[in-house]
Amino acid sequence: MEIIIRKAQKQDIPAIHALVRELAIYEKAEDQFVATIEEYERDFDAHIYRTTIAEAEGKVVGMTLSYMAYSTWKGKMLYLEDFVVYEAYRRYGIGQMLFDAFLEEAREEGCRLVKWQVLDWNEPALKFYQKNNAVIETEWWNGKIFLKD
């Protein structure tokens, strides 16, 4: 199977949105997924986020969605907001290809680090990140305030 890893284009947004919905379902939180395709399109045009996709068999089967952030201790960093591959396309190395592309993008941008979150019960993801020599922090707690539904 030929796998193509490339930067997303605006016409890929419905497929990206569908992948994020798939992730929300996997995380048992589909009811919390309220961002619309129109919002994704608006924010894509405004360069709020960047996305790399994996194509196989003529369709989008995986993606990373990230944005530039800043660590006051380290400097520029790329934050990986979402990373998902459809279950039927796992075990083909697509996740590793996407993750490697994400890391390369961060290096090209001159970032000092990359950062993301992973659920404590997501054993496959934890094993993947550990295989990639990631540091999984357990001492920091997340804080957030929802400003709109």
N, C-alpha and C. Protein backbone atom coordinates (compact mmCIF):
# COMPACT_ATOMS: atom_id res chain seq x y z
N MET A 1 0.85 -1.18 0.00
CA MET A 1 0.00 0.00 0.00
C MET A 1 0.90 1.24 0.00
N GLU A 2 0.63 2.14 -0.93
CA GLU A 2 1.39 3.39 -0.98
C GLU A 2 0.81 4.38 0.01
N ILE A 3 1.69 4.95 0.83
CA ILE A 3 1.30 5.96 1.83
C ILE A 3 1.93 7.28 1.41
N ILE A 4 1.13 8.32 1.35
CA ILE A 4 1.63 9.66 1.04
C ILE A 4 1.43 10.52 2.28
N ILE A 5 2.51 11.14 2.73
CA ILE A 5 2.46 12.09 3.86
C ILE A 5 2.65 13.47 3.26
N ARG A 6 1.71 14.37 3.54
CA ARG A 6 1.80 15.71 2.96
C ARG A 6 1.08 16.72 3.85
N LYS A 7 1.39 17.99 3.60
CA LYS A 7 0.69 19.08 4.28
C LYS A 7 -0.76 19.10 3.82
N ALA A 8 -1.66 19.35 4.73
CA ALA A 8 -3.08 19.41 4.40
C ALA A 8 -3.37 20.65 3.57
N GLN A 9 -4.39 20.53 2.75
CA GLN A 9 -4.93 21.65 1.99
C GLN A 9 -6.37 21.87 2.44
N LYS A 10 -6.91 23.00 2.08
CA LYS A 10 -8.25 23.35 2.56
C LYS A 10 -9.28 22.28 2.20
N GLN A 11 -9.17 21.66 1.04
CA GLN A 11 -10.15 20.64 0.65
C GLN A 11 -10.06 19.38 1.52
N ASP A 12 -9.00 19.24 2.32
CA ASP A 12 -8.85 18.10 3.22
C ASP A 12 -9.58 18.29 4.55
N ILE A 13 -10.08 19.48 4.81
CA ILE A 13 -10.64 19.79 6.12
C ILE A 13 -11.82 18.88 6.51
N PRO A 14 -12.77 18.57 5.63
CA PRO A 14 -13.82 17.63 6.06
C PRO A 14 -13.26 16.28 6.52
N ALA A 15 -12.22 15.79 5.85
CA ALA A 15 -11.61 14.51 6.26
C ALA A 15 -10.89 14.66 7.59
N ILE A 16 -10.25 15.80 7.82
CA ILE A 16 -9.58 16.06 9.09
C ILE A 16 -10.61 16.12 10.21
N HIS A 17 -11.69 16.83 9.96
CA HIS A 17 -12.78 16.94 10.93
C HIS A 17 -13.33 15.56 11.29
N ALA A 18 -13.49 14.71 10.29
CA ALA A 18 -13.99 13.36 10.53
C ALA A 18 -13.01 12.54 11.37
N LEU A 19 -11.72 12.71 11.14
CA LEU A 19 -10.72 12.01 11.94
C LEU A 19 -10.76 12.46 13.39
N VAL A 20 -10.94 13.76 13.61
CA VAL A 20 -11.03 14.25 14.99
C VAL A 20 -12.28 13.70 15.66
N ARG A 21 -13.38 13.61 14.93
CA ARG A 21 -14.59 12.98 15.49
C ARG A 21 -14.29 11.53 15.89
N GLU A 22 -13.58 10.82 15.04
CA GLU A 22 -13.18 9.44 15.33
C GLU A 22 -12.38 9.37 16.63
N LEU A 23 -11.47 10.32 16.80
CA LEU A 23 -10.68 10.38 18.03
C LEU A 23 -11.56 10.66 19.24
N ALA A 24 -12.50 11.59 19.09
CA ALA A 24 -13.41 11.91 20.19
C ALA A 24 -14.24 10.68 20.59
N ILE A 25 -14.65 9.91 19.62
CA ILE A 25 -15.40 8.68 19.90
C ILE A 25 -14.51 7.70 20.65
N TYR A 26 -13.29 7.52 20.18
CA TYR A 26 -12.34 6.62 20.83
C TYR A 26 -12.10 7.03 22.28
N GLU A 27 -12.05 8.34 22.52
CA GLU A 27 -11.80 8.85 23.87
C GLU A 27 -13.08 8.96 24.69
N LYS A 28 -14.18 8.43 24.16
CA LYS A 28 -15.47 8.42 24.85
C LYS A 28 -15.93 9.83 25.20
N ALA A 29 -15.74 10.75 24.25
CA ALA A 29 -16.07 12.15 24.50
C ALA A 29 -16.68 12.81 23.27
N GLU A 30 -17.40 12.05 22.45
CA GLU A 30 -17.95 12.63 21.23
C GLU A 30 -18.87 13.81 21.52
N ASP A 31 -19.58 13.77 22.62
CA ASP A 31 -20.50 14.86 22.96
C ASP A 31 -19.77 16.18 23.21
N GLN A 32 -18.48 16.12 23.47
CA GLN A 32 -17.70 17.33 23.71
C GLN A 32 -17.10 17.91 22.42
N PHE A 33 -17.23 17.18 21.33
CA PHE A 33 -16.68 17.61 20.04
C PHE A 33 -17.70 18.52 19.36
N VAL A 34 -17.51 19.82 19.51
CA VAL A 34 -18.50 20.78 19.01
C VAL A 34 -17.96 21.70 17.90
N ALA A 35 -16.67 21.67 17.64
CA ALA A 35 -16.10 22.53 16.59
C ALA A 35 -16.64 22.09 15.22
N THR A 36 -17.05 23.06 14.43
CA THR A 36 -17.66 22.78 13.12
C THR A 36 -16.61 22.78 12.02
N ILE A 37 -16.98 22.23 10.88
CA ILE A 37 -16.11 22.28 9.71
C ILE A 37 -15.85 23.74 9.32
N GLU A 38 -16.87 24.58 9.43
CA GLU A 38 -16.71 26.00 9.10
C GLU A 38 -15.65 26.65 10.00
N GLU A 39 -15.66 26.32 11.28
CA GLU A 39 -14.64 26.86 12.19
C GLU A 39 -13.25 26.33 11.81
N TYR A 40 -13.18 25.05 11.48
CA TYR A 40 -11.91 24.48 11.03
C TYR A 40 -11.40 25.23 9.80
N GLU A 41 -12.28 25.50 8.85
CA GLU A 41 -11.89 26.20 7.62
C GLU A 41 -11.42 27.62 7.93
N ARG A 42 -12.19 28.34 8.74
CA ARG A 42 -11.82 29.72 9.11
C ARG A 42 -10.45 29.75 9.77
N ASP A 43 -10.23 28.84 10.73
CA ASP A 43 -8.98 28.85 11.48
C ASP A 43 -7.80 28.31 10.65
N PHE A 44 -8.08 27.44 9.71
CA PHE A 44 -7.05 26.99 8.77
C PHE A 44 -6.58 28.16 7.93
N ASP A 45 -7.54 28.93 7.39
CA ASP A 45 -7.21 30.11 6.58
C ASP A 45 -6.44 31.15 7.39
N ALA A 46 -6.71 31.24 8.69
CA ALA A 46 -6.04 32.21 9.56
C ALA A 46 -4.71 31.67 10.10
N HIS A 47 -4.33 30.47 9.68
CA HIS A 47 -3.07 29.84 10.11
C HIS A 47 -2.99 29.64 11.62
N ILE A 48 -4.14 29.37 12.24
CA ILE A 48 -4.19 29.09 13.68
C ILE A 48 -3.54 27.74 13.97
N TYR A 49 -3.71 26.80 13.07
CA TYR A 49 -3.14 25.46 13.24
C TYR A 49 -2.57 24.99 11.90
N ARG A 50 -1.83 23.92 11.98
CA ARG A 50 -1.26 23.28 10.79
C ARG A 50 -1.55 21.79 10.88
N THR A 51 -1.69 21.18 9.74
CA THR A 51 -2.05 19.76 9.70
C THR A 51 -1.23 19.05 8.64
N THR A 52 -0.77 17.88 9.00
CA THR A 52 -0.14 16.97 8.06
C THR A 52 -1.03 15.75 7.97
N ILE A 53 -1.23 15.27 6.76
CA ILE A 53 -2.13 14.12 6.59
C ILE A 53 -1.39 12.95 5.96
N ALA A 54 -1.98 11.78 6.17
CA ALA A 54 -1.52 10.55 5.51
C ALA A 54 -2.63 10.11 4.57
N GLU A 55 -2.26 9.82 3.34
CA GLU A 55 -3.22 9.31 2.36
C GLU A 55 -2.84 7.88 2.01
N ALA A 56 -3.86 7.04 1.90
CA ALA A 56 -3.68 5.67 1.44
C ALA A 56 -4.92 5.30 0.63
N GLU A 57 -4.72 4.60 -0.42
CA GLU A 57 -5.84 4.17 -1.25
C GLU A 57 -6.74 5.33 -1.67
N GLY A 58 -6.12 6.49 -1.89
CA GLY A 58 -6.85 7.65 -2.37
C GLY A 58 -7.66 8.41 -1.34
N LYS A 59 -7.47 8.10 -0.04
CA LYS A 59 -8.24 8.83 0.98
C LYS A 59 -7.36 9.18 2.17
N VAL A 60 -7.80 10.18 2.91
CA VAL A 60 -7.10 10.60 4.12
C VAL A 60 -7.38 9.56 5.21
N VAL A 61 -6.29 8.98 5.76
CA VAL A 61 -6.45 7.92 6.75
C VAL A 61 -5.80 8.26 8.09
N GLY A 62 -5.12 9.39 8.16
CA GLY A 62 -4.49 9.80 9.41
C GLY A 62 -4.04 11.23 9.33
N MET A 63 -3.74 11.81 10.49
CA MET A 63 -3.30 13.21 10.49
C MET A 63 -2.69 13.59 11.83
N THR A 64 -1.88 14.65 11.78
CA THR A 64 -1.46 15.37 12.98
C THR A 64 -1.97 16.79 12.83
N LEU A 65 -2.39 17.39 13.93
CA LEU A 65 -2.81 18.78 13.95
C LEU A 65 -2.01 19.45 15.06
N SER A 66 -1.30 20.51 14.72
CA SER A 66 -0.41 21.15 15.68
C SER A 66 -0.45 22.67 15.53
N TYR A 67 0.18 23.33 16.48
CA TYR A 67 0.31 24.79 16.39
C TYR A 67 1.55 25.22 17.17
N MET A 68 2.06 26.38 16.82
CA MET A 68 3.23 26.91 17.48
C MET A 68 2.85 27.41 18.86
N ALA A 69 3.70 27.13 19.82
CA ALA A 69 3.50 27.59 21.20
C ALA A 69 4.86 28.06 21.72
N TYR A 70 4.88 28.45 22.98
CA TYR A 70 6.13 28.98 23.54
C TYR A 70 6.30 28.51 24.97
N SER A 71 7.47 28.01 25.26
CA SER A 71 7.85 27.64 26.62
C SER A 71 8.73 28.73 27.18
N THR A 72 8.34 29.32 28.28
CA THR A 72 9.17 30.38 28.87
C THR A 72 10.50 29.83 29.36
N TRP A 73 10.60 28.56 29.57
CA TRP A 73 11.86 27.95 30.02
C TRP A 73 12.73 27.48 28.86
N LYS A 74 12.11 27.07 27.76
CA LYS A 74 12.87 26.48 26.66
C LYS A 74 12.83 27.29 25.37
N GLY A 75 11.75 28.04 25.15
CA GLY A 75 11.61 28.79 23.90
C GLY A 75 10.54 28.20 23.02
N LYS A 76 10.73 28.35 21.73
CA LYS A 76 9.72 27.95 20.75
C LYS A 76 9.48 26.44 20.79
N MET A 77 8.18 26.07 20.75
CA MET A 77 7.83 24.65 20.70
C MET A 77 6.63 24.45 19.80
N LEU A 78 6.52 23.26 19.26
CA LEU A 78 5.37 22.88 18.45
C LEU A 78 4.50 21.96 19.30
N TYR A 79 3.24 22.33 19.45
CA TYR A 79 2.31 21.57 20.28
C TYR A 79 1.45 20.68 19.40
N LEU A 80 1.46 19.40 19.69
CA LEU A 80 0.68 18.41 18.95
C LEU A 80 -0.69 18.29 19.62
N GLU A 81 -1.68 18.88 19.01
CA GLU A 81 -3.03 18.88 19.58
C GLU A 81 -3.73 17.55 19.35
N ASP A 82 -3.66 17.03 18.13
CA ASP A 82 -4.29 15.74 17.83
C ASP A 82 -3.43 14.96 16.86
N PHE A 83 -3.51 13.64 17.00
CA PHE A 83 -2.73 12.70 16.21
C PHE A 83 -3.57 11.43 16.14
N VAL A 84 -4.05 11.10 14.95
CA VAL A 84 -4.95 9.95 14.83
C VAL A 84 -4.79 9.28 13.47
N VAL A 85 -4.91 7.96 13.49
CA VAL A 85 -4.94 7.14 12.28
C VAL A 85 -6.16 6.23 12.41
N TYR A 86 -6.95 6.15 11.35
CA TYR A 86 -8.10 5.24 11.40
C TYR A 86 -7.63 3.84 11.78
N GLU A 87 -8.42 3.18 12.61
CA GLU A 87 -8.04 1.88 13.14
C GLU A 87 -7.69 0.87 12.03
N ALA A 88 -8.43 0.88 10.95
CA ALA A 88 -8.19 -0.06 9.85
C ALA A 88 -6.83 0.14 9.19
N TYR A 89 -6.21 1.31 9.41
CA TYR A 89 -4.93 1.62 8.77
C TYR A 89 -3.77 1.62 9.77
N ARG A 90 -4.02 1.18 10.96
CA ARG A 90 -2.92 1.06 11.93
C ARG A 90 -2.13 -0.20 11.61
N ARG A 91 -0.94 -0.26 12.10
CA ARG A 91 -0.02 -1.39 11.90
C ARG A 91 0.67 -1.37 10.53
N TYR A 92 0.53 -0.26 9.80
CA TYR A 92 1.23 -0.11 8.52
C TYR A 92 2.38 0.90 8.63
N GLY A 93 2.63 1.41 9.84
CA GLY A 93 3.69 2.39 10.03
C GLY A 93 3.26 3.82 9.75
N ILE A 94 1.97 4.04 9.51
CA ILE A 94 1.48 5.37 9.17
C ILE A 94 1.65 6.33 10.35
N GLY A 95 1.34 5.86 11.55
CA GLY A 95 1.50 6.71 12.73
C GLY A 95 2.94 7.16 12.89
N GLN A 96 3.88 6.25 12.71
CA GLN A 96 5.30 6.61 12.83
C GLN A 96 5.69 7.61 11.76
N MET A 97 5.19 7.42 10.55
CA MET A 97 5.50 8.35 9.46
C MET A 97 4.97 9.75 9.78
N LEU A 98 3.75 9.82 10.29
CA LEU A 98 3.17 11.12 10.66
C LEU A 98 3.94 11.76 11.81
N PHE A 99 4.28 10.97 12.82
CA PHE A 99 5.00 11.50 13.98
C PHE A 99 6.38 11.99 13.55
N ASP A 100 7.07 11.23 12.71
CA ASP A 100 8.38 11.66 12.21
C ASP A 100 8.26 12.97 11.44
N ALA A 101 7.20 13.12 10.63
CA ALA A 101 7.00 14.36 9.88
C ALA A 101 6.75 15.53 10.84
N PHE A 102 5.99 15.27 11.91
CA PHE A 102 5.75 16.30 12.93
C PHE A 102 7.07 16.73 13.58
N LEU A 103 7.90 15.76 13.97
CA LEU A 103 9.19 16.08 14.59
C LEU A 103 10.09 16.84 13.62
N GLU A 104 10.10 16.44 12.37
CA GLU A 104 10.92 17.13 11.37
C GLU A 104 10.45 18.57 11.17
N GLU A 105 9.15 18.77 11.15
CA GLU A 105 8.61 20.13 11.02
C GLU A 105 9.08 21.00 12.18
N ALA A 106 9.04 20.45 13.39
CA ALA A 106 9.49 21.20 14.57
C ALA A 106 10.98 21.55 14.45
N ARG A 107 11.77 20.60 14.00
CA ARG A 107 13.21 20.87 13.81
C ARG A 107 13.43 21.97 12.78
N GLU A 108 12.70 21.88 11.66
CA GLU A 108 12.84 22.89 10.60
C GLU A 108 12.43 24.27 11.09
N GLU A 109 11.48 24.34 12.01
CA GLU A 109 11.01 25.61 12.56
C GLU A 109 11.93 26.14 13.66
N GLY A 110 12.95 25.37 14.04
CA GLY A 110 13.88 25.79 15.08
C GLY A 110 13.33 25.64 16.49
N CYS A 111 12.39 24.73 16.66
CA CYS A 111 11.81 24.50 17.99
C CYS A 111 12.81 23.78 18.89
N ARG A 112 12.72 24.06 20.17
CA ARG A 112 13.55 23.37 21.16
C ARG A 112 12.88 22.12 21.69
N LEU A 113 11.55 22.06 21.59
CA LEU A 113 10.83 20.88 22.05
C LEU A 113 9.49 20.79 21.37
N VAL A 114 8.90 19.61 21.49
CA VAL A 114 7.52 19.37 21.10
C VAL A 114 6.80 18.87 22.33
N LYS A 115 5.49 19.07 22.33
CA LYS A 115 4.73 18.71 23.52
C LYS A 115 3.34 18.27 23.10
N TRP A 116 2.70 17.41 23.90
CA TRP A 116 1.36 16.93 23.65
C TRP A 116 0.81 16.34 24.94
N GLN A 117 -0.45 15.94 24.89
CA GLN A 117 -1.08 15.23 26.00
C GLN A 117 -1.47 13.84 25.54
N VAL A 118 -1.53 12.92 26.49
CA VAL A 118 -1.99 11.56 26.20
C VAL A 118 -2.78 11.10 27.42
N LEU A 119 -3.90 10.45 27.17
CA LEU A 119 -4.72 9.95 28.26
C LEU A 119 -4.01 8.81 28.99
N ASP A 120 -4.14 8.79 30.30
CA ASP A 120 -3.42 7.78 31.09
C ASP A 120 -3.87 6.36 30.81
N TRP A 121 -5.05 6.16 30.26
CA TRP A 121 -5.54 4.81 29.96
C TRP A 121 -5.25 4.37 28.53
N ASN A 122 -4.68 5.25 27.72
CA ASN A 122 -4.44 4.94 26.31
C ASN A 122 -3.10 4.19 26.15
N GLU A 123 -3.11 2.93 26.50
CA GLU A 123 -1.90 2.11 26.49
C GLU A 123 -1.20 2.06 25.12
N PRO A 124 -1.94 1.88 24.01
CA PRO A 124 -1.23 1.87 22.72
C PRO A 124 -0.48 3.17 22.45
N ALA A 125 -1.09 4.30 22.78
CA ALA A 125 -0.42 5.59 22.56
C ALA A 125 0.78 5.73 23.49
N LEU A 126 0.62 5.37 24.75
CA LEU A 126 1.74 5.45 25.70
C LEU A 126 2.92 4.60 25.22
N LYS A 127 2.64 3.40 24.75
CA LYS A 127 3.72 2.53 24.25
C LYS A 127 4.38 3.14 23.02
N PHE A 128 3.58 3.73 22.14
CA PHE A 128 4.13 4.37 20.94
C PHE A 128 5.08 5.50 21.34
N TYR A 129 4.64 6.36 22.25
CA TYR A 129 5.49 7.49 22.65
C TYR A 129 6.74 7.02 23.39
N GLN A 130 6.60 6.01 24.23
CA GLN A 130 7.76 5.48 24.93
C GLN A 130 8.76 4.89 23.94
N LYS A 131 8.26 4.21 22.90
CA LYS A 131 9.12 3.66 21.86
C LYS A 131 9.90 4.77 21.15
N ASN A 132 9.32 5.96 21.13
CA ASN A 132 9.95 7.12 20.50
C ASN A 132 10.76 7.96 21.50
N ASN A 133 11.04 7.37 22.67
CA ASN A 133 11.87 8.02 23.71
C ASN A 133 11.27 9.30 24.26
N ALA A 134 9.94 9.37 24.32
CA ALA A 134 9.27 10.55 24.86
C ALA A 134 9.32 10.53 26.39
N VAL A 135 9.32 11.70 26.96
CA VAL A 135 9.18 11.86 28.40
C VAL A 135 7.69 12.05 28.67
N ILE A 136 7.10 11.16 29.44
CA ILE A 136 5.69 11.27 29.79
C ILE A 136 5.61 11.80 31.22
N GLU A 137 5.20 13.05 31.35
CA GLU A 137 5.12 13.70 32.66
C GLU A 137 3.85 13.26 33.39
N THR A 138 3.95 13.05 34.66
CA THR A 138 2.77 12.70 35.46
C THR A 138 2.55 13.65 36.62
N GLU A 139 3.44 14.62 36.79
CA GLU A 139 3.32 15.52 37.94
C GLU A 139 2.52 16.79 37.66
N TRP A 140 2.30 17.14 36.38
CA TRP A 140 1.59 18.37 36.04
C TRP A 140 0.10 18.06 35.83
N TRP A 141 -0.75 18.89 36.36
CA TRP A 141 -2.19 18.76 36.16
C TRP A 141 -2.63 19.82 35.17
N ASN A 142 -3.62 19.50 34.38
CA ASN A 142 -4.15 20.43 33.38
C ASN A 142 -5.19 21.35 34.03
N GLY A 143 -5.20 22.57 33.59
CA GLY A 143 -6.25 23.52 33.98
C GLY A 143 -6.89 24.09 32.73
N LYS A 144 -8.19 24.34 32.79
CA LYS A 144 -8.86 24.96 31.65
C LYS A 144 -10.17 25.59 32.11
N ILE A 145 -10.61 26.55 31.32
CA ILE A 145 -11.91 27.21 31.52
C ILE A 145 -12.58 27.27 30.16
N PHE A 146 -13.78 26.77 30.06
CA PHE A 146 -14.54 26.83 28.82
C PHE A 146 -15.22 28.19 28.71
N LEU A 147 -14.94 28.92 27.64
CA LEU A 147 -15.51 30.25 27.44
C LEU A 147 -16.79 30.22 26.63
N LYS A 148 -17.00 29.16 25.84
CA LYS A 148 -18.25 28.94 25.10
C LYS A 148 -18.46 27.44 24.99
N ASP A 149 -19.68 27.08 24.72
CA ASP A 149 -19.99 25.65 24.53
C ASP A 149 -19.44 25.14 23.24
